[in-house]
N, C-alpha and C. Protein backbone atom coordinates (compact mmCIF):
# COMPACT_ATOMS: atom_id res chain seq x y z
N MET A 1 0.84 -1.17 0.00
CA MET A 1 0.00 0.00 0.00
C MET A 1 0.89 1.23 0.00
N THR A 2 0.62 2.15 -0.91
CA THR A 2 1.42 3.34 -1.10
C THR A 2 0.72 4.54 -0.47
N GLU A 3 1.50 5.47 0.11
CA GLU A 3 0.95 6.72 0.63
C GLU A 3 0.54 7.60 -0.54
N LEU A 4 -0.64 8.18 -0.49
CA LEU A 4 -1.16 8.95 -1.61
C LEU A 4 -1.79 10.24 -1.10
N ALA A 5 -1.40 11.37 -1.71
CA ALA A 5 -2.03 12.65 -1.38
C ALA A 5 -3.28 12.80 -2.24
N LEU A 6 -4.41 13.01 -1.60
CA LEU A 6 -5.67 13.13 -2.33
C LEU A 6 -5.96 14.59 -2.66
N ASP A 7 -6.41 14.83 -3.88
CA ASP A 7 -6.88 16.17 -4.23
C ASP A 7 -8.41 16.17 -4.14
N ASP A 8 -9.02 17.31 -4.45
CA ASP A 8 -10.48 17.44 -4.33
C ASP A 8 -11.23 16.45 -5.20
N ARG A 9 -10.72 16.19 -6.40
CA ARG A 9 -11.40 15.23 -7.29
C ARG A 9 -11.29 13.81 -6.76
N ASP A 10 -10.14 13.45 -6.19
CA ASP A 10 -10.01 12.12 -5.59
C ASP A 10 -11.02 11.96 -4.45
N ARG A 11 -11.12 12.98 -3.60
CA ARG A 11 -12.06 12.91 -2.47
C ARG A 11 -13.50 12.82 -2.97
N LEU A 12 -13.82 13.57 -4.02
CA LEU A 12 -15.17 13.50 -4.59
C LEU A 12 -15.43 12.12 -5.18
N LEU A 13 -14.45 11.55 -5.87
CA LEU A 13 -14.60 10.22 -6.44
C LEU A 13 -14.87 9.19 -5.34
N VAL A 14 -14.12 9.24 -4.26
CA VAL A 14 -14.33 8.32 -3.15
C VAL A 14 -15.73 8.51 -2.57
N ASP A 15 -16.15 9.76 -2.41
CA ASP A 15 -17.47 10.05 -1.87
C ASP A 15 -18.57 9.51 -2.79
N LEU A 16 -18.43 9.71 -4.09
CA LEU A 16 -19.42 9.21 -5.04
C LEU A 16 -19.51 7.69 -4.99
N LEU A 17 -18.37 7.03 -4.89
CA LEU A 17 -18.36 5.56 -4.82
C LEU A 17 -18.89 5.06 -3.48
N ARG A 18 -18.67 5.82 -2.43
CA ARG A 18 -19.20 5.44 -1.12
C ARG A 18 -20.73 5.44 -1.17
N ARG A 19 -21.30 6.38 -1.90
CA ARG A 19 -22.76 6.47 -2.02
C ARG A 19 -23.33 5.41 -2.95
N ASP A 20 -22.58 5.10 -4.02
CA ASP A 20 -23.05 4.11 -5.01
C ASP A 20 -21.83 3.48 -5.68
N ALA A 21 -21.40 2.35 -5.16
CA ALA A 21 -20.19 1.68 -5.67
C ALA A 21 -20.39 1.11 -7.07
N ARG A 22 -21.63 1.04 -7.54
CA ARG A 22 -21.89 0.48 -8.87
C ARG A 22 -22.08 1.57 -9.93
N ARG A 23 -21.85 2.78 -9.56
CA ARG A 23 -22.02 3.91 -10.49
C ARG A 23 -21.07 3.73 -11.67
N PRO A 24 -21.57 3.86 -12.90
CA PRO A 24 -20.72 3.67 -14.09
C PRO A 24 -19.60 4.72 -14.18
N ILE A 25 -18.49 4.31 -14.77
CA ILE A 25 -17.33 5.19 -14.95
C ILE A 25 -17.73 6.45 -15.71
N VAL A 26 -18.56 6.31 -16.72
CA VAL A 26 -18.98 7.47 -17.53
C VAL A 26 -19.71 8.49 -16.65
N ALA A 27 -20.57 8.03 -15.76
CA ALA A 27 -21.30 8.95 -14.86
C ALA A 27 -20.34 9.59 -13.86
N LEU A 28 -19.40 8.80 -13.35
CA LEU A 28 -18.40 9.35 -12.43
C LEU A 28 -17.58 10.43 -13.13
N ALA A 29 -17.16 10.13 -14.36
CA ALA A 29 -16.35 11.09 -15.14
C ALA A 29 -17.11 12.40 -15.33
N LYS A 30 -18.39 12.30 -15.62
CA LYS A 30 -19.20 13.51 -15.81
C LYS A 30 -19.25 14.32 -14.51
N ASP A 31 -19.47 13.65 -13.38
CA ASP A 31 -19.53 14.34 -12.09
C ASP A 31 -18.20 14.99 -11.72
N LEU A 32 -17.10 14.37 -12.15
CA LEU A 32 -15.76 14.88 -11.84
C LEU A 32 -15.28 15.90 -12.86
N ASN A 33 -16.02 16.03 -13.96
CA ASN A 33 -15.61 16.90 -15.07
C ASN A 33 -14.26 16.45 -15.63
N LEU A 34 -14.15 15.13 -15.81
CA LEU A 34 -12.94 14.51 -16.37
C LEU A 34 -13.34 13.57 -17.50
N SER A 35 -12.35 13.16 -18.27
CA SER A 35 -12.61 12.14 -19.29
C SER A 35 -12.79 10.78 -18.62
N ARG A 36 -13.36 9.86 -19.38
CA ARG A 36 -13.53 8.50 -18.86
C ARG A 36 -12.19 7.88 -18.50
N SER A 37 -11.18 8.04 -19.36
CA SER A 37 -9.87 7.43 -19.10
C SER A 37 -9.18 8.08 -17.89
N ALA A 38 -9.32 9.39 -17.73
CA ALA A 38 -8.72 10.06 -16.57
C ALA A 38 -9.39 9.59 -15.27
N THR A 39 -10.69 9.38 -15.33
CA THR A 39 -11.42 8.89 -14.16
C THR A 39 -11.00 7.46 -13.85
N GLN A 40 -10.87 6.63 -14.88
CA GLN A 40 -10.41 5.25 -14.69
C GLN A 40 -9.01 5.22 -14.09
N ASP A 41 -8.13 6.11 -14.54
CA ASP A 41 -6.77 6.19 -13.99
C ASP A 41 -6.80 6.56 -12.51
N ARG A 42 -7.65 7.52 -12.15
CA ARG A 42 -7.76 7.92 -10.74
C ARG A 42 -8.28 6.76 -9.90
N LEU A 43 -9.27 6.05 -10.41
CA LEU A 43 -9.82 4.91 -9.70
C LEU A 43 -8.75 3.84 -9.49
N ALA A 44 -7.98 3.56 -10.53
CA ALA A 44 -6.89 2.57 -10.42
C ALA A 44 -5.85 3.01 -9.40
N LYS A 45 -5.53 4.30 -9.39
CA LYS A 45 -4.55 4.85 -8.44
C LYS A 45 -5.07 4.70 -7.00
N LEU A 46 -6.35 4.97 -6.78
CA LEU A 46 -6.94 4.84 -5.44
C LEU A 46 -6.98 3.38 -4.99
N GLN A 47 -7.21 2.48 -5.93
CA GLN A 47 -7.20 1.05 -5.60
C GLN A 47 -5.78 0.58 -5.29
N ALA A 48 -4.82 0.99 -6.10
CA ALA A 48 -3.43 0.57 -5.89
C ALA A 48 -2.88 1.08 -4.56
N SER A 49 -3.33 2.25 -4.14
CA SER A 49 -2.85 2.83 -2.88
C SER A 49 -3.53 2.21 -1.66
N GLY A 50 -4.62 1.48 -1.88
CA GLY A 50 -5.34 0.87 -0.77
C GLY A 50 -6.46 1.74 -0.21
N ILE A 51 -6.61 2.96 -0.73
CA ILE A 51 -7.70 3.83 -0.27
C ILE A 51 -9.04 3.20 -0.62
N ILE A 52 -9.14 2.64 -1.82
CA ILE A 52 -10.30 1.83 -2.18
C ILE A 52 -9.82 0.39 -2.15
N GLY A 53 -10.34 -0.35 -1.18
CA GLY A 53 -9.89 -1.72 -0.97
C GLY A 53 -10.71 -2.75 -1.71
N GLY A 54 -11.76 -2.32 -2.35
CA GLY A 54 -12.62 -3.25 -3.06
C GLY A 54 -14.05 -2.76 -3.02
N PHE A 55 -14.89 -3.44 -3.72
CA PHE A 55 -16.30 -3.10 -3.77
C PHE A 55 -17.02 -4.29 -3.18
N THR A 56 -17.47 -4.15 -1.93
CA THR A 56 -18.03 -5.29 -1.21
C THR A 56 -19.41 -4.98 -0.67
N ILE A 57 -20.11 -6.03 -0.34
CA ILE A 57 -21.38 -5.91 0.37
C ILE A 57 -21.04 -5.97 1.84
N ARG A 58 -21.44 -4.96 2.57
CA ARG A 58 -21.21 -4.93 4.01
C ARG A 58 -22.31 -5.71 4.70
N GLU A 59 -21.99 -6.34 5.81
CA GLU A 59 -22.94 -7.16 6.56
C GLU A 59 -24.21 -6.39 6.88
N GLY A 60 -24.09 -5.10 7.20
CA GLY A 60 -25.25 -4.30 7.56
C GLY A 60 -26.24 -4.15 6.43
N ASN A 61 -25.80 -4.31 5.22
CA ASN A 61 -26.68 -4.19 4.07
C ASN A 61 -27.12 -5.55 3.55
N ALA A 62 -26.64 -6.60 4.15
CA ALA A 62 -26.94 -7.95 3.67
C ALA A 62 -28.35 -8.35 4.06
N VAL A 63 -28.90 -9.26 3.31
CA VAL A 63 -30.22 -9.80 3.62
C VAL A 63 -30.16 -10.45 5.00
N GLY A 64 -31.12 -10.14 5.84
CA GLY A 64 -31.16 -10.73 7.17
C GLY A 64 -30.55 -9.86 8.25
N ALA A 65 -29.72 -8.90 7.91
CA ALA A 65 -29.13 -8.02 8.92
C ALA A 65 -30.03 -6.80 9.05
N ARG A 66 -30.94 -6.86 9.99
CA ARG A 66 -31.94 -5.80 10.13
C ARG A 66 -31.71 -4.91 11.34
N GLN A 67 -30.83 -5.31 12.22
CA GLN A 67 -30.61 -4.57 13.45
C GLN A 67 -29.13 -4.27 13.61
N SER A 68 -28.82 -3.04 14.00
CA SER A 68 -27.43 -2.65 14.22
C SER A 68 -27.28 -2.05 15.60
N ALA A 69 -26.07 -2.11 16.10
CA ALA A 69 -25.74 -1.48 17.38
C ALA A 69 -24.28 -1.06 17.35
N TYR A 70 -23.96 -0.06 18.14
CA TYR A 70 -22.58 0.37 18.31
C TYR A 70 -22.12 -0.03 19.70
N LEU A 71 -20.95 -0.63 19.74
CA LEU A 71 -20.34 -1.01 21.01
C LEU A 71 -19.18 -0.07 21.29
N MET A 72 -19.13 0.47 22.49
CA MET A 72 -18.01 1.28 22.93
C MET A 72 -17.19 0.40 23.86
N VAL A 73 -15.94 0.14 23.47
CA VAL A 73 -15.10 -0.83 24.15
C VAL A 73 -13.92 -0.14 24.82
N SER A 74 -13.67 -0.51 26.07
CA SER A 74 -12.47 -0.05 26.79
C SER A 74 -11.60 -1.26 27.09
N PHE A 75 -10.28 -1.05 27.00
CA PHE A 75 -9.32 -2.12 27.25
C PHE A 75 -8.90 -2.14 28.72
N GLU A 76 -8.45 -3.31 29.15
CA GLU A 76 -7.80 -3.43 30.45
C GLU A 76 -6.44 -2.76 30.35
N PRO A 77 -5.90 -2.27 31.47
CA PRO A 77 -4.56 -1.65 31.44
C PRO A 77 -3.53 -2.60 30.82
N GLY A 78 -2.70 -2.05 29.96
CA GLY A 78 -1.65 -2.83 29.31
C GLY A 78 -2.06 -3.45 27.98
N TYR A 79 -3.33 -3.40 27.64
CA TYR A 79 -3.79 -3.96 26.36
C TYR A 79 -3.93 -2.85 25.32
N HIS A 80 -3.69 -3.21 24.07
CA HIS A 80 -3.73 -2.26 22.97
C HIS A 80 -4.46 -2.89 21.78
N CYS A 81 -4.73 -2.08 20.77
CA CYS A 81 -5.44 -2.54 19.57
C CYS A 81 -4.78 -3.76 18.94
N ALA A 82 -3.46 -3.76 18.89
CA ALA A 82 -2.74 -4.86 18.24
C ALA A 82 -3.06 -6.21 18.87
N GLN A 83 -3.43 -6.21 20.14
CA GLN A 83 -3.75 -7.47 20.82
C GLN A 83 -5.23 -7.84 20.71
N VAL A 84 -6.09 -6.85 20.59
CA VAL A 84 -7.53 -7.09 20.65
C VAL A 84 -8.19 -7.14 19.26
N VAL A 85 -7.82 -6.22 18.39
CA VAL A 85 -8.49 -6.10 17.09
C VAL A 85 -8.44 -7.38 16.25
N PRO A 86 -7.31 -8.09 16.17
CA PRO A 86 -7.32 -9.33 15.37
C PRO A 86 -8.37 -10.34 15.83
N LYS A 87 -8.63 -10.39 17.13
CA LYS A 87 -9.67 -11.30 17.64
C LYS A 87 -11.06 -10.79 17.27
N LEU A 88 -11.24 -9.47 17.29
CA LEU A 88 -12.53 -8.88 16.90
C LEU A 88 -12.83 -9.14 15.43
N GLN A 89 -11.81 -9.12 14.59
CA GLN A 89 -12.00 -9.29 13.15
C GLN A 89 -12.53 -10.68 12.80
N ARG A 90 -12.48 -11.61 13.72
CA ARG A 90 -12.99 -12.96 13.49
C ARG A 90 -14.50 -13.06 13.74
N ILE A 91 -15.09 -12.02 14.32
CA ILE A 91 -16.52 -12.03 14.62
C ILE A 91 -17.26 -11.51 13.38
N SER A 92 -18.00 -12.39 12.72
CA SER A 92 -18.57 -12.06 11.41
C SER A 92 -19.61 -10.94 11.44
N SER A 93 -20.25 -10.71 12.55
CA SER A 93 -21.28 -9.67 12.63
C SER A 93 -20.71 -8.27 12.79
N ILE A 94 -19.40 -8.16 12.99
CA ILE A 94 -18.78 -6.84 13.13
C ILE A 94 -18.57 -6.24 11.75
N GLY A 95 -19.17 -5.06 11.54
CA GLY A 95 -19.07 -4.39 10.25
C GLY A 95 -18.13 -3.22 10.25
N LEU A 96 -17.66 -2.81 11.44
CA LEU A 96 -16.81 -1.63 11.53
C LEU A 96 -16.07 -1.68 12.86
N ILE A 97 -14.79 -1.33 12.83
CA ILE A 97 -13.99 -1.20 14.05
C ILE A 97 -13.16 0.07 13.90
N HIS A 98 -13.35 1.02 14.83
CA HIS A 98 -12.57 2.26 14.80
C HIS A 98 -11.90 2.49 16.14
N SER A 99 -10.62 2.86 16.12
CA SER A 99 -9.93 3.36 17.31
C SER A 99 -10.33 4.81 17.46
N VAL A 100 -10.59 5.23 18.69
CA VAL A 100 -11.03 6.61 18.93
C VAL A 100 -10.28 7.22 20.10
N THR A 101 -10.34 8.54 20.19
CA THR A 101 -9.77 9.24 21.33
C THR A 101 -10.81 9.32 22.44
N GLY A 102 -10.36 9.64 23.63
CA GLY A 102 -11.28 9.81 24.74
C GLY A 102 -11.25 8.65 25.70
N PRO A 103 -12.29 8.51 26.50
CA PRO A 103 -12.29 7.51 27.57
C PRO A 103 -12.48 6.07 27.09
N ILE A 104 -12.89 5.88 25.84
CA ILE A 104 -13.02 4.52 25.30
C ILE A 104 -11.93 4.29 24.27
N ASP A 105 -11.69 3.03 23.95
CA ASP A 105 -10.62 2.67 23.01
C ASP A 105 -11.12 2.38 21.61
N LEU A 106 -12.29 1.75 21.50
CA LEU A 106 -12.82 1.35 20.19
C LEU A 106 -14.31 1.64 20.10
N VAL A 107 -14.75 1.91 18.87
CA VAL A 107 -16.18 1.91 18.54
C VAL A 107 -16.36 0.82 17.50
N ILE A 108 -17.31 -0.06 17.74
CA ILE A 108 -17.56 -1.21 16.88
C ILE A 108 -19.03 -1.18 16.45
N ARG A 109 -19.29 -1.46 15.16
CA ARG A 109 -20.68 -1.61 14.72
C ARG A 109 -20.98 -3.09 14.54
N ILE A 110 -22.07 -3.51 15.12
CA ILE A 110 -22.56 -4.88 14.99
C ILE A 110 -23.79 -4.85 14.08
N ASP A 111 -23.86 -5.75 13.12
CA ASP A 111 -25.02 -5.89 12.25
C ASP A 111 -25.54 -7.32 12.41
N ALA A 112 -26.79 -7.45 12.83
CA ALA A 112 -27.35 -8.77 13.10
C ALA A 112 -28.81 -8.83 12.64
N ALA A 113 -29.36 -10.02 12.67
CA ALA A 113 -30.75 -10.22 12.26
C ALA A 113 -31.72 -9.64 13.28
N ASP A 114 -31.32 -9.65 14.56
CA ASP A 114 -32.22 -9.19 15.61
C ASP A 114 -31.41 -8.82 16.85
N VAL A 115 -32.12 -8.40 17.89
CA VAL A 115 -31.45 -7.99 19.13
C VAL A 115 -30.72 -9.16 19.78
N ALA A 116 -31.25 -10.36 19.65
CA ALA A 116 -30.57 -11.53 20.21
C ALA A 116 -29.21 -11.73 19.54
N GLY A 117 -29.14 -11.48 18.24
CA GLY A 117 -27.86 -11.57 17.54
C GLY A 117 -26.88 -10.51 18.00
N ILE A 118 -27.40 -9.31 18.27
CA ILE A 118 -26.53 -8.26 18.81
C ILE A 118 -26.00 -8.67 20.18
N GLU A 119 -26.86 -9.21 21.03
CA GLU A 119 -26.42 -9.63 22.36
C GLU A 119 -25.38 -10.74 22.28
N ALA A 120 -25.56 -11.68 21.36
CA ALA A 120 -24.57 -12.75 21.20
C ALA A 120 -23.22 -12.17 20.76
N SER A 121 -23.25 -11.22 19.85
CA SER A 121 -22.01 -10.58 19.39
C SER A 121 -21.38 -9.77 20.51
N ARG A 122 -22.21 -9.05 21.26
CA ARG A 122 -21.71 -8.26 22.38
C ARG A 122 -21.03 -9.15 23.40
N SER A 123 -21.63 -10.29 23.68
CA SER A 123 -21.03 -11.24 24.63
C SER A 123 -19.70 -11.77 24.12
N ALA A 124 -19.62 -12.03 22.81
CA ALA A 124 -18.37 -12.51 22.22
C ALA A 124 -17.28 -11.44 22.34
N VAL A 125 -17.63 -10.18 22.13
CA VAL A 125 -16.66 -9.09 22.27
C VAL A 125 -16.20 -8.99 23.72
N ALA A 126 -17.15 -9.02 24.66
CA ALA A 126 -16.82 -8.89 26.08
C ALA A 126 -15.93 -10.01 26.59
N ALA A 127 -16.00 -11.18 25.95
CA ALA A 127 -15.21 -12.34 26.38
C ALA A 127 -13.77 -12.32 25.88
N ILE A 128 -13.42 -11.39 25.01
CA ILE A 128 -12.06 -11.33 24.47
C ILE A 128 -11.10 -10.84 25.54
N PRO A 129 -9.98 -11.54 25.74
CA PRO A 129 -8.99 -11.09 26.72
C PRO A 129 -8.52 -9.66 26.41
N GLY A 130 -8.49 -8.84 27.44
CA GLY A 130 -8.07 -7.45 27.28
C GLY A 130 -9.22 -6.48 27.22
N VAL A 131 -10.44 -6.98 27.02
CA VAL A 131 -11.61 -6.10 27.00
C VAL A 131 -12.10 -5.92 28.44
N ALA A 132 -12.07 -4.67 28.90
CA ALA A 132 -12.48 -4.36 30.28
C ALA A 132 -13.97 -4.08 30.37
N SER A 133 -14.50 -3.33 29.40
CA SER A 133 -15.93 -3.00 29.45
C SER A 133 -16.48 -2.78 28.05
N VAL A 134 -17.78 -3.04 27.93
CA VAL A 134 -18.49 -2.85 26.66
C VAL A 134 -19.81 -2.15 26.97
N SER A 135 -20.02 -1.02 26.32
CA SER A 135 -21.28 -0.29 26.43
C SER A 135 -21.97 -0.38 25.06
N THR A 136 -23.29 -0.56 25.06
CA THR A 136 -24.02 -0.80 23.81
C THR A 136 -25.06 0.28 23.55
N SER A 137 -25.12 0.74 22.30
CA SER A 137 -26.18 1.64 21.85
C SER A 137 -26.81 1.03 20.61
N VAL A 138 -28.09 0.68 20.69
CA VAL A 138 -28.80 0.08 19.57
C VAL A 138 -29.26 1.19 18.62
N VAL A 139 -29.09 0.96 17.32
CA VAL A 139 -29.49 1.93 16.30
C VAL A 139 -31.01 1.90 16.16
N LEU A 140 -31.63 3.07 16.27
CA LEU A 140 -33.08 3.17 16.13
C LEU A 140 -33.49 3.42 14.68
N ASP A 141 -32.71 4.25 13.96
CA ASP A 141 -33.04 4.59 12.59
C ASP A 141 -31.77 5.00 11.86
N ARG A 142 -31.71 4.73 10.56
CA ARG A 142 -30.57 5.12 9.73
C ARG A 142 -30.99 6.30 8.87
N HIS A 143 -30.26 7.38 8.99
CA HIS A 143 -30.57 8.57 8.20
C HIS A 143 -29.64 8.73 7.01
N LEU A 144 -28.44 8.18 7.10
CA LEU A 144 -27.47 8.22 6.01
C LEU A 144 -26.51 7.07 6.20
N ASP A 145 -26.33 6.25 5.17
CA ASP A 145 -25.37 5.15 5.22
C ASP A 145 -24.27 5.42 4.24
């Protein structure tokens, strides 16, 4: 993965793809005010740098995943992301893991079929060595994905 400085058009391209990853290159080019080939080159550059890692279906958008929750996780003293995150990545219902500043260490999004699935995932997170506490906020409504 290469370090890449993004310009305004790169950021707009990423934003457009975030909203609709299936948007045709011709439509993207029009929105960027670039040629099709220049847009394709930018897309290839963003993929090669790792900024765009692929076009995937996220668990939260999958059939059957109707309920989401955010978990706020704090580590036990002496534990860090390098020790905990690899174990979290094995939990299939986790759709997002972010390190954050402040009194908590991680914010995690769980996507499940129902509240029971969220509780099962929450219990799995809480059982990981190094996790001191888990606070849960269930999503009531999605206004922008």
